[in-house]
PDB file of N, CA and C in Angstrom:
ATOM      1  N   ASP A   1      90.014  96.124 109.512  1.00  0.00           N
ATOM      2  CA  ASP A   1      90.795  96.854 110.084  1.00  0.00           C
ATOM      3  C   ASP A   1      90.301  98.463 109.593  1.00  0.00           C
ATOM      4  N   SER A   2      90.251  99.292 110.350  1.00  0.00           N
ATOM      5  CA  SER A   2      89.488 100.718 109.720  1.00  0.00           C
ATOM      6  C   SER A   2      91.272 100.947 109.063  1.00  0.00           C
ATOM      7  N   LEU A   3      92.319 100.251 109.074  1.00  0.00           N
ATOM      8  CA  LEU A   3      92.829 101.312 108.289  1.00  0.00           C
ATOM      9  C   LEU A   3      93.957 100.724 107.242  1.00  0.00           C
ATOM     10  N   ASN A   4      92.870  99.402 106.774  1.00  0.00           N
ATOM     11  CA  ASN A   4      93.284  98.611 105.850  1.00  0.00           C
ATOM     12  C   ASN A   4      91.397  99.168 105.381  1.00  0.00           C
ATOM     13  N   ILE A   5      90.470 100.136 105.814  1.00  0.00           N
ATOM     14  CA  ILE A   5      89.668 100.942 104.790  1.00  0.00           C
ATOM     15  C   ILE A   5      90.187 101.710 104.051  1.00  0.00           C
ATOM     16  N   ASN A   6      90.278 102.728 105.056  1.00  0.00           N
ATOM     17  CA  ASN A   6      91.470 103.999 104.514  1.00  0.00           C
ATOM     18  C   ASN A   6      92.216 104.033 103.577  1.00  0.00           C
ATOM     19  N   ASN A   7      92.489 102.746 103.515  1.00  0.00           N
ATOM     20  CA  ASN A   7      94.310 102.857 101.940  1.00  0.00           C
ATOM     21  C   ASN A   7      93.402 101.428 101.320  1.00  0.00           C
ATOM     22  N   GLN A   8      92.168 101.076 101.272  1.00  0.00           N
ATOM     23  CA  GLN A   8      91.410 100.912  99.851  1.00  0.00           C
ATOM     24  C   GLN A   8      90.821 102.157  99.626  1.00  0.00           C
ATOM     25  N   SER A   9      90.068 102.904 100.593  1.00  0.00           N
ATOM     26  CA  SER A   9      89.512 103.557  99.636  1.00  0.00           C
ATOM     27  C   SER A   9      90.300 104.828  99.002  1.00  0.00           C
ATOM     28  N   GLN A  10      91.382 105.143  99.831  1.00  0.00           N
ATOM     29  CA  GLN A  10      92.653 106.403  98.860  1.00  0.00           C
ATOM     30  C   GLN A  10      92.922 105.705  97.669  1.00  0.00           C
ATOM     31  N   ASN A  11      93.647 103.937  97.938  1.00  0.00           N
ATOM     32  CA  ASN A  11      93.832 103.593  96.356  1.00  0.00           C
ATOM     33  C   ASN A  11      92.672 104.089  95.539  1.00  0.00           C
ATOM     34  N   ILE A  12      91.943 103.501  95.932  1.00  0.00           N
ATOM     35  CA  ILE A  12      90.302 103.757  94.970  1.00  0.00           C
ATOM     36  C   ILE A  12      89.861 105.211  94.367  1.00  0.00           C
ATOM     37  N   LYS A  13      90.243 106.102  95.023  1.00  0.00           N
ATOM     38  CA  LYS A  13      90.529 107.774  94.412  1.00  0.00           C
ATOM     39  C   LYS A  13      91.699 108.221  94.225  1.00  0.00           C
ATOM     40  N   THR A  14      92.866 107.112  94.083  1.00  0.00           N
ATOM     41  CA  THR A  14      93.814 107.635  93.179  1.00  0.00           C
ATOM     42  C   THR A  14      93.946 106.672  91.972  1.00  0.00           C
ATOM     43  N   ASP A  15      92.877 105.344  91.440  1.00  0.00           N
ATOM     44  CA  ASP A  15      93.368 104.280  91.057  1.00  0.00           C
ATOM     45  C   ASP A  15      92.099 105.458  89.327  1.00  0.00           C
ATOM     46  N   ASN A  16      90.884 105.497  90.113  1.00  0.00           N
ATOM     47  CA  ASN A  16      90.215 106.165  89.095  1.00  0.00           C
ATOM     48  C   ASN A  16      89.246 104.994  88.128  1.00  0.00           C
ATOM     49  N   SER A  17      89.551 104.530  88.770  1.00  0.00           N
ATOM     50  CA  SER A  17      88.158 103.229  87.782  1.00  0.00           C
ATOM     51  C   SER A  17      87.203 103.055  89.028  1.00  0.00           C
ATOM     52  N   TYR A  18      86.368 103.689  88.604  1.00  0.00           N
ATOM     53  CA  TYR A  18      85.063 103.543  89.447  1.00  0.00           C
ATOM     54  C   TYR A  18      83.787 103.066  89.408  1.00  0.00           C
ATOM     55  N   ALA A  19      84.157 102.438  87.911  1.00  0.00           N
ATOM     56  CA  ALA A  19      83.355 101.540  87.045  1.00  0.00           C
ATOM     57  C   ALA A  19      84.063 100.307  87.199  1.00  0.00           C
ATOM     58  N   ASP A  20      84.942  99.885  87.203  1.00  0.00           N
ATOM     59  CA  ASP A  20      85.061  98.617  87.536  1.00  0.00           C
ATOM     60  C   ASP A  20      84.969  98.005  88.704  1.00  0.00           C
ATOM     61  N   ILE A  21      85.196  98.865  89.939  1.00  0.00           N
ATOM     62  CA  ILE A  21      85.277  98.296  91.811  1.00  0.00           C
ATOM     63  C   ILE A  21      83.228  98.774  92.084  1.00  0.00           C
ATOM     64  N   GLU A  22      82.988  96.622  91.864  1.00  0.00           N
ATOM     65  CA  GLU A  22      82.309  97.017  92.222  1.00  0.00           C
ATOM     66  C   GLU A  22      81.719  97.222  93.921  1.00  0.00           C
ATOM     67  N   PHE A  23      80.384  98.526  93.911  1.00  0.00           N
ATOM     68  CA  PHE A  23      79.965  98.771  96.098  1.00  0.00           C
ATOM     69  C   PHE A  23      80.040  97.167  96.508  1.00  0.00           C
ATOM     70  N   SER A  24      79.642  96.517  95.948  1.00  0.00           N
ATOM     71  CA  SER A  24      79.406  94.986  97.330  1.00  0.00           C
ATOM     72  C   SER A  24      80.431  94.262  97.262  1.00  0.00           C
ATOM     73  N   LYS A  25      81.375  94.500  96.360  1.00  0.00           N
ATOM     74  CA  LYS A  25      82.722  93.924  96.656  1.00  0.00           C
ATOM     75  C   LYS A  25      83.278  94.598  97.749  1.00  0.00           C
ATOM     76  N   ILE A  26      83.919  95.941  97.514  1.00  0.00           N
ATOM     77  CA  ILE A  26      84.842  96.509  99.131  1.00  0.00           C
ATOM     78  C   ILE A  26      83.066  96.971  99.952  1.00  0.00           C
ATOM     79  N   LEU A  27      82.014  96.712  99.649  1.00  0.00           N
ATOM     80  CA  LEU A  27      81.649  97.019 101.173  1.00  0.00           C
ATOM     81  C   LEU A  27      81.867  94.949 102.111  1.00  0.00           C
ATOM     82  N   GLU A  28      82.127  94.265 101.112  1.00  0.00           N
ATOM     83  CA  GLU A  28      81.981  92.867 101.290  1.00  0.00           C
ATOM     84  C   GLU A  28      83.776  92.492 102.121  1.00  0.00           C
ATOM     85  N   LYS A  29      84.289  93.636 101.216  1.00  0.00           N
ATOM     86  CA  LYS A  29      86.095  93.240 102.285  1.00  0.00           C
ATOM     87  C   LYS A  29      85.994  94.216 102.848  1.00  0.00           C
ATOM     88  N   ALA A  30      85.597  95.638 103.722  1.00  0.00           N
ATOM     89  CA  ALA A  30      85.232  95.906 104.668  1.00  0.00           C
ATOM     90  C   ALA A  30      84.842  95.567 105.826  1.00  0.00           C
ATOM     91  N   THR A  31      83.948  94.252 105.442  1.00  0.00           N
ATOM     92  CA  THR A  31      82.533  93.317 106.014  1.00  0.00           C
ATOM     93  C   THR A  31      83.786  92.779 106.333  1.00  0.00           C
ATOM     94  N   ASP A  32      84.598  91.700 105.914  1.00  0.00           N
ATOM     95  CA  ASP A  32      86.016  90.735 106.174  1.00  0.00           C
ATOM     96  C   ASP A  32      86.227  91.275 107.414  1.00  0.00           C
ATOM     97  N   ASN A  33      87.307  92.799 107.105  1.00  0.00           N
ATOM     98  CA  ASN A  33      88.070  93.147 107.857  1.00  0.00           C
ATOM     99  C   ASN A  33      87.728  93.566 109.254  1.00  0.00           C
ATOM    100  N   LEU A  34      86.203  94.059 109.549  1.00  0.00           N
ATOM    101  CA  LEU A  34      85.949  93.686 110.307  1.00  0.00           C
ATOM    102  C   LEU A  34      85.740  92.919 111.752  1.00  0.00           C
ATOM    103  N   ASN A  35      84.821  91.701 110.985  1.00  0.00           N
ATOM    104  CA  ASN A  35      84.547  90.723 111.451  1.00  0.00           C
ATOM    105  C   ASN A  35      86.370  89.634 111.795  1.00  0.00           C
ATOM    106  N   SER A  36      87.524  90.719 110.974  1.00  0.00           N
ATOM    107  CA  SER A  36      88.936  89.955 111.734  1.00  0.00           C
ATOM    108  C   SER A  36      88.719  90.397 112.572  1.00  0.00           C
ATOM    109  N   THR A  37      89.107  91.643 112.258  1.00  0.00           N
ATOM    110  CA  THR A  37      89.451  93.107 113.498  1.00  0.00           C
ATOM    111  C   THR A  37      88.418  92.185 114.876  1.00  0.00           C
ATOM    112  N   GLN A  38      87.023  92.242 114.855  1.00  0.00           N
ATOM    113  CA  GLN A  38      86.676  92.265 115.975  1.00  0.00           C
ATOM    114  C   GLN A  38      86.576  90.167 117.017  1.00  0.00           C
ATOM    115  N   LEU A  39      87.131  89.549 116.434  1.00  0.00           N
ATOM    116  CA  LEU A  39      87.214  87.951 116.456  1.00  0.00           C
ATOM    117  C   LEU A  39      88.686  88.340 116.799  1.00  0.00           C
ATOM    118  N   LYS A  40      90.024  88.510 116.268  1.00  0.00           N
ATOM    119  CA  LYS A  40      90.722  89.802 117.028  1.00  0.00           C
ATOM    120  C   LYS A  40      90.691  89.980 118.432  1.00  0.00           C
ATOM    121  N   ALA A  41      90.036  90.821 118.379  1.00  0.00           N
ATOM    122  CA  ALA A  41      89.683  91.978 119.905  1.00  0.00           C
ATOM    123  C   ALA A  41      89.506  90.299 120.676  1.00  0.00           C
ATOM    124  N   TYR A  42      88.533  89.381 120.311  1.00  0.00           N
ATOM    125  CA  TYR A  42      87.820  88.130 121.213  1.00  0.00           C
ATOM    126  C   TYR A  42      88.448  87.534 121.901  1.00  0.00           C
ATOM    127  N   ASP A  43      89.381  87.227 120.838  1.00  0.00           N
ATOM    128  CA  ASP A  43      90.606  86.253 120.980  1.00  0.00           C
ATOM    129  C   ASP A  43      91.731  87.247 122.712  1.00  0.00           C
ATOM    130  N   SER A  44      92.029  88.344 122.139  1.00  0.00           N
ATOM    131  CA  SER A  44      92.005  89.585 123.249  1.00  0.00           C
ATOM    132  C   SER A  44      92.441  88.870 124.715  1.00  0.00           C
ATOM    133  N   MET A  45      90.767  89.575 124.680  1.00  0.00           N
ATOM    134  CA  MET A  45      89.692  88.875 125.551  1.00  0.00           C
ATOM    135  C   MET A  45      89.574  87.757 126.292  1.00  0.00           C
ATOM    136  N   GLU A  46      90.202  86.376 125.811  1.00  0.00           N
ATOM    137  CA  GLU A  46      89.910  85.656 126.311  1.00  0.00           C
ATOM    138  C   GLU A  46      91.426  85.505 127.009  1.00  0.00           C
ATOM    139  N   ALA A  47      92.590  85.924 126.170  1.00  0.00           N
ATOM    140  CA  ALA A  47      93.366  85.626 126.479  1.00  0.00           C
ATOM    141  C   ALA A  47      94.376  86.326 128.053  1.00  0.00           C
ATOM    142  N   ILE A  48      93.195  88.257 128.377  1.00  0.00           N
ATOM    143  CA  ILE A  48      93.546  88.566 129.406  1.00  0.00           C
ATOM    144  C   ILE A  48      92.946  88.174 130.857  1.00  0.00           C
ATOM    145  N   ALA A  49      91.580  87.291 130.049  1.00  0.00           N
ATOM    146  CA  ALA A  49      90.909  86.286 131.104  1.00  0.00           C
ATOM    147  C   ALA A  49      91.063  85.063 131.790  1.00  0.00           C
ATOM    148  N   THR A  50      91.617  84.827 131.057  1.00  0.00           N
ATOM    149  CA  THR A  50      92.221  83.662 131.050  1.00  0.00           C
ATOM    150  C   THR A  50      93.432  83.398 131.750  1.00  0.00           C
ATOM    151  N   GLY A  51      93.899  84.686 131.563  1.00  0.00           N
ATOM    152  CA  GLY A  51      96.214  85.428 131.893  1.00  0.00           C
ATOM    153  C   GLY A  51      96.771  84.352 131.250  1.00  0.00           C
ATOM    154  N   LYS A  52      96.379  83.819 129.652  1.00  0.00           N
ATOM    155  CA  LYS A  52      97.183  83.626 128.686  1.00  0.00           C
ATOM    156  C   LYS A  52      97.873  84.530 128.353  1.00  0.00           C
ATOM    157  N   VAL A  53      97.482  86.383 127.904  1.00  0.00           N
ATOM    158  CA  VAL A  53      98.305  87.175 127.237  1.00  0.00           C
ATOM    159  C   VAL A  53      99.922  87.390 127.832  1.00  0.00           C
ATOM    160  N   ASP A  54     100.107  87.289 126.712  1.00  0.00           N
ATOM    161  CA  ASP A  54     101.992  87.905 126.253  1.00  0.00           C
ATOM    162  C   ASP A  54     102.227  89.458 125.834  1.00  0.00           C
ATOM    163  N   ASN A  55     101.140  89.839 125.360  1.00  0.00           N
ATOM    164  CA  ASN A  55     101.873  91.805 125.861  1.00  0.00           C
ATOM    165  C   ASN A  55     100.415  92.174 126.330  1.00  0.00           C
ATOM    166  N   LEU A  56     100.232  91.887 127.141  1.00  0.00           N
ATOM    167  CA  LEU A  56      99.204  93.191 127.673  1.00  0.00           C
ATOM    168  C   LEU A  56      98.613  93.871 126.593  1.00  0.00           C
ATOM    169  N   GLN A  57      99.942  95.495 126.815  1.00  0.00           N
ATOM    170  CA  GLN A  57      99.171  96.270 125.399  1.00  0.00           C
ATOM    171  C   GLN A  57      98.728  95.482 124.522  1.00  0.00           C
ATOM    172  N   GLU A  58      99.870  95.502 123.546  1.00  0.00           N
ATOM    173  CA  GLU A  58      98.766  94.385 122.380  1.00  0.00           C
ATOM    174  C   GLU A  58      97.806  94.096 122.318  1.00  0.00           C
ATOM    175  N   ALA A  59      97.227  93.016 123.510  1.00  0.00           N
ATOM    176  CA  ALA A  59      95.853  92.504 123.432  1.00  0.00           C
ATOM    177  C   ALA A  59      94.858  93.919 123.532  1.00  0.00           C
ATOM    178  N   VAL A  60      94.884  94.174 124.400  1.00  0.00           N
ATOM    179  CA  VAL A  60      94.255  96.211 124.911  1.00  0.00           C
ATOM    180  C   VAL A  60      93.540  96.952 123.640  1.00  0.00           C
ATOM    181  N   MET A  61      95.501  96.880 122.762  1.00  0.00           N
ATOM    182  CA  MET A  61      95.119  97.652 121.548  1.00  0.00           C
ATOM    183  C   MET A  61      94.204  97.472 120.356  1.00  0.00           C
ATOM    184  N   ASN A  62      94.111  95.261 120.111  1.00  0.00           N
ATOM    185  CA  ASN A  62      93.353  95.515 120.261  1.00  0.00           C
ATOM    186  C   ASN A  62      92.406  95.261 120.155  1.00  0.00           C
ATOM    187  N   ILE A  63      91.815  94.956 121.338  1.00  0.00           N
ATOM    188  CA  ILE A  63      90.704  95.537 122.073  1.00  0.00           C
ATOM    189  C   ILE A  63      89.773  97.276 121.481  1.00  0.00           C
ATOM    190  N   ASP A  64      90.867  97.547 121.187  1.00  0.00           N
ATOM    191  CA  ASP A  64      90.652  99.625 120.734  1.00  0.00           C
ATOM    192  C   ASP A  64      90.208  99.588 119.510  1.00  0.00           C
ATOM    193  N   LYS A  65      90.870  98.304 118.909  1.00  0.00           N
ATOM    194  CA  LYS A  65      90.727  98.923 117.522  1.00  0.00           C
ATOM    195  C   LYS A  65      89.386  98.533 116.877  1.00  0.00           C
ATOM    196  N   ALA A  66      89.480  96.928 117.663  1.00  0.00           N
ATOM    197  CA  ALA A  66      87.979  96.456 117.296  1.00  0.00           C
ATOM    198  C   ALA A  66      86.931  97.501 117.791  1.00  0.00           C
ATOM    199  N   GLU A  67      86.782  98.105 118.663  1.00  0.00           N
ATOM    200  CA  GLU A  67      85.625  98.941 119.248  1.00  0.00           C
ATOM    201  C   GLU A  67      86.109 100.002 118.098  1.00  0.00           C
ATOM    202  N   LEU A  68      86.662 101.240 117.134  1.00  0.00           N
ATOM    203  CA  LEU A  68      86.587 101.893 117.039  1.00  0.00           C
ATOM    204  C   LEU A  68      86.750 101.001 115.193  1.00  0.00           C
ATOM    205  N   SER A  69      86.504 100.086 115.131  1.00  0.00           N
ATOM    206  CA  SER A  69      86.430  99.684 113.480  1.00  0.00           C
ATOM    207  C   SER A  69      85.314  99.234 113.557  1.00  0.00           C
ATOM    208  N   LEU A  70      84.133  99.029 114.550  1.00  0.00           N
ATOM    209  CA  LEU A  70      82.923  98.615 114.851  1.00  0.00           C
ATOM    210  C   LEU A  70      82.082  99.948 115.063  1.00  0.00           C
ATOM    211  N   LYS A  71      82.572 100.663 115.488  1.00  0.00           N
ATOM    212  CA  LYS A  71      81.910 102.768 115.328  1.00  0.00           C
ATOM    213  C   LYS A  71      81.694 102.575 113.839  1.00  0.00           C
ATOM    214  N   LEU A  72      82.963 102.813 113.838  1.00  0.00           N
ATOM    215  CA  LEU A  72      82.737 103.457 112.112  1.00  0.00           C
ATOM    216  C   LEU A  72      82.234 102.615 111.118  1.00  0.00           C
ATOM    217  N   GLY A  73      82.338 101.808 111.269  1.00  0.00           N
ATOM    218  CA  GLY A  73      81.293 100.547 110.351  1.00  0.00           C
ATOM    219  C   GLY A  73      79.857 100.858 110.781  1.00  0.00           C
ATOM    220  N   LEU A  74      79.282 101.109 112.344  1.00  0.00           N
ATOM    221  CA  LEU A  74      78.161 101.322 112.125  1.00  0.00           C
ATOM    222  C   LEU A  74      77.535 102.420 111.449  1.00  0.00           C
ATOM    223  N   GLU A  75      78.387 103.790 111.241  1.00  0.00           N
ATOM    224  CA  GLU A  75      78.875 105.228 111.190  1.00  0.00           C
ATOM    225  C   GLU A  75      78.512 104.343 108.868  1.00  0.00           C
ATOM    226  N   MET A  76      79.383 103.974 108.950  1.00  0.00           N
ATOM    227  CA  MET A  76      78.916 103.806 107.152  1.00  0.00           C
ATOM    228  C   MET A  76      78.117 103.144 106.879  1.00  0.00           C
ATOM    229  N   LYS A  77      76.925 101.966 107.817  1.00  0.00           N
ATOM    230  CA  LYS A  77      76.316 101.427 108.342  1.00  0.00           C
ATOM    231  C   LYS A  77      74.851 102.910 107.602  1.00  0.00           C
ATOM    232  N   THR A  78      74.916 103.722 109.017  1.00  0.00           N
ATOM    233  CA  THR A  78      73.862 104.309 109.383  1.00  0.00           C
ATOM    234  C   THR A  78      73.419 105.502 107.703  1.00  0.00           C
ATOM    235  N   LYS A  79      75.043 106.190 106.893  1.00  0.00           N
ATOM    236  CA  LYS A  79      75.575 106.978 106.117  1.00  0.00           C
ATOM    237  C   LYS A  79      74.871 106.436 104.388  1.00  0.00           C
ATOM    238  N   THR A  80      75.079 105.479 105.292  1.00  0.00           N
ATOM    239  CA  THR A  80      74.764 104.477 103.211  1.00  0.00           C
ATOM    240  C   THR A  80      73.250 104.175 103.631  1.00  0.00           C
ATOM    241  N   ILE A  81      72.177 104.446 104.760  1.00  0.00           N
ATOM    242  CA  ILE A  81      71.143 103.828 104.369  1.00  0.00           C
ATOM    243  C   ILE A  81      70.635 105.209 103.971  1.00  0.00           C
ATOM    244  N   ASN A  82      70.581 106.314 104.441  1.00  0.00           N
ATOM    245  CA  ASN A  82      70.181 107.597 104.740  1.00  0.00           C
ATOM    246  C   ASN A  82      70.904 107.919 103.454  1.00  0.00           C
ATOM    247  N   ALA A  83      71.710 108.110 102.598  1.00  0.00           N
ATOM    248  CA  ALA A  83      72.336 107.898 101.180  1.00  0.00           C
ATOM    249  C   ALA A  83      70.779 107.059 100.536  1.00  0.00           C
ATOM    250  N   TYR A  84      70.259 105.950 100.990  1.00  0.00           N
ATOM    251  CA  TYR A  84      69.543 105.141  99.637  1.00  0.00           C
ATOM    252  C   TYR A  84      68.592 105.255  99.819  1.00  0.00           C
ATOM    253  N   ARG A  85      68.188 106.361 101.080  1.00  0.00           N
ATOM    254  CA  ARG A  85      66.601 106.758 101.538  1.00  0.00           C
ATOM    255  C   ARG A  85      66.445 107.921 100.182  1.00  0.00           C
ATOM    256  N   GLU A  86      67.243 108.433 100.516  1.00  0.00           N
ATOM    257  CA  GLU A  86      67.074 110.363  99.879  1.00  0.00           C
ATOM    258  C   GLU A  86      67.572 109.391  97.769  1.00  0.00           C
ATOM    259  N   ILE A  87      67.701 108.750  98.000  1.00  0.00           N
ATOM    260  CA  ILE A  87      67.728 108.695  96.521  1.00  0.00           C
ATOM    261  C   ILE A  87      66.637 107.625  96.063  1.00  0.00           C
ATOM    262  N   ILE A  88      65.728 107.178  96.856  1.00  0.00           N
ATOM    263  CA  ILE A  88      64.812 106.579  96.427  1.00  0.00           C
ATOM    264  C   ILE A  88      63.952 107.953  96.810  1.00  0.00           C
ATOM    265  N   LYS A  89      63.538 108.624  97.633  1.00  0.00           N
ATOM    266  CA  LYS A  89      63.405 110.139  97.463  1.00  0.00           C
ATOM    267  C   LYS A  89      62.949 110.843  96.562  1.00  0.00           C
ATOM    268  N   MET A  90      64.148 110.818  95.115  1.00  0.00           N
ATOM    269  CA  MET A  90      64.220 111.320  94.390  1.00  0.00           C
ATOM    270  C   MET A  90      63.220 111.711  93.217  1.00  0.00           C
ATOM    271  N   GLN A  91      62.295 111.456  91.711  1.00  0.00           N
ATOM    272  CA  GLN A  91      61.665 111.573  91.382  1.00  0.00           C
ATOM    273  C   GLN A  91      62.697 111.559  89.942  1.00  0.00           C
ATOM    274  N   VAL A  92      62.374 110.994  89.313  1.00  0.00           N
ATOM    275  CA  VAL A  92      62.740 110.685  87.486  1.00  0.00           C
ATOM    276  C   VAL A  92      61.647 111.734  86.862  1.00  0.00           C
TER     277      VAL A  92
END
């Protein structure tokens, strides 16, 4: 989820070992976190729809959290693609 992504980025900034961390691993972990957040939200939606929800407030928070995480993920994708395009344009 987005909170975990923020915590990961803070850990990376304070670690100062950028060479030891592969971008693909960071991206893979962020994608896994996003996926688990989405799955949790789908479970919450199903529980609400079937009337099997124990805590409605928590279920709605899970759905909102998943929506925000997805928006963050899409924005990160856009920024990454734009950065890649800028790098490709550079002359070496």
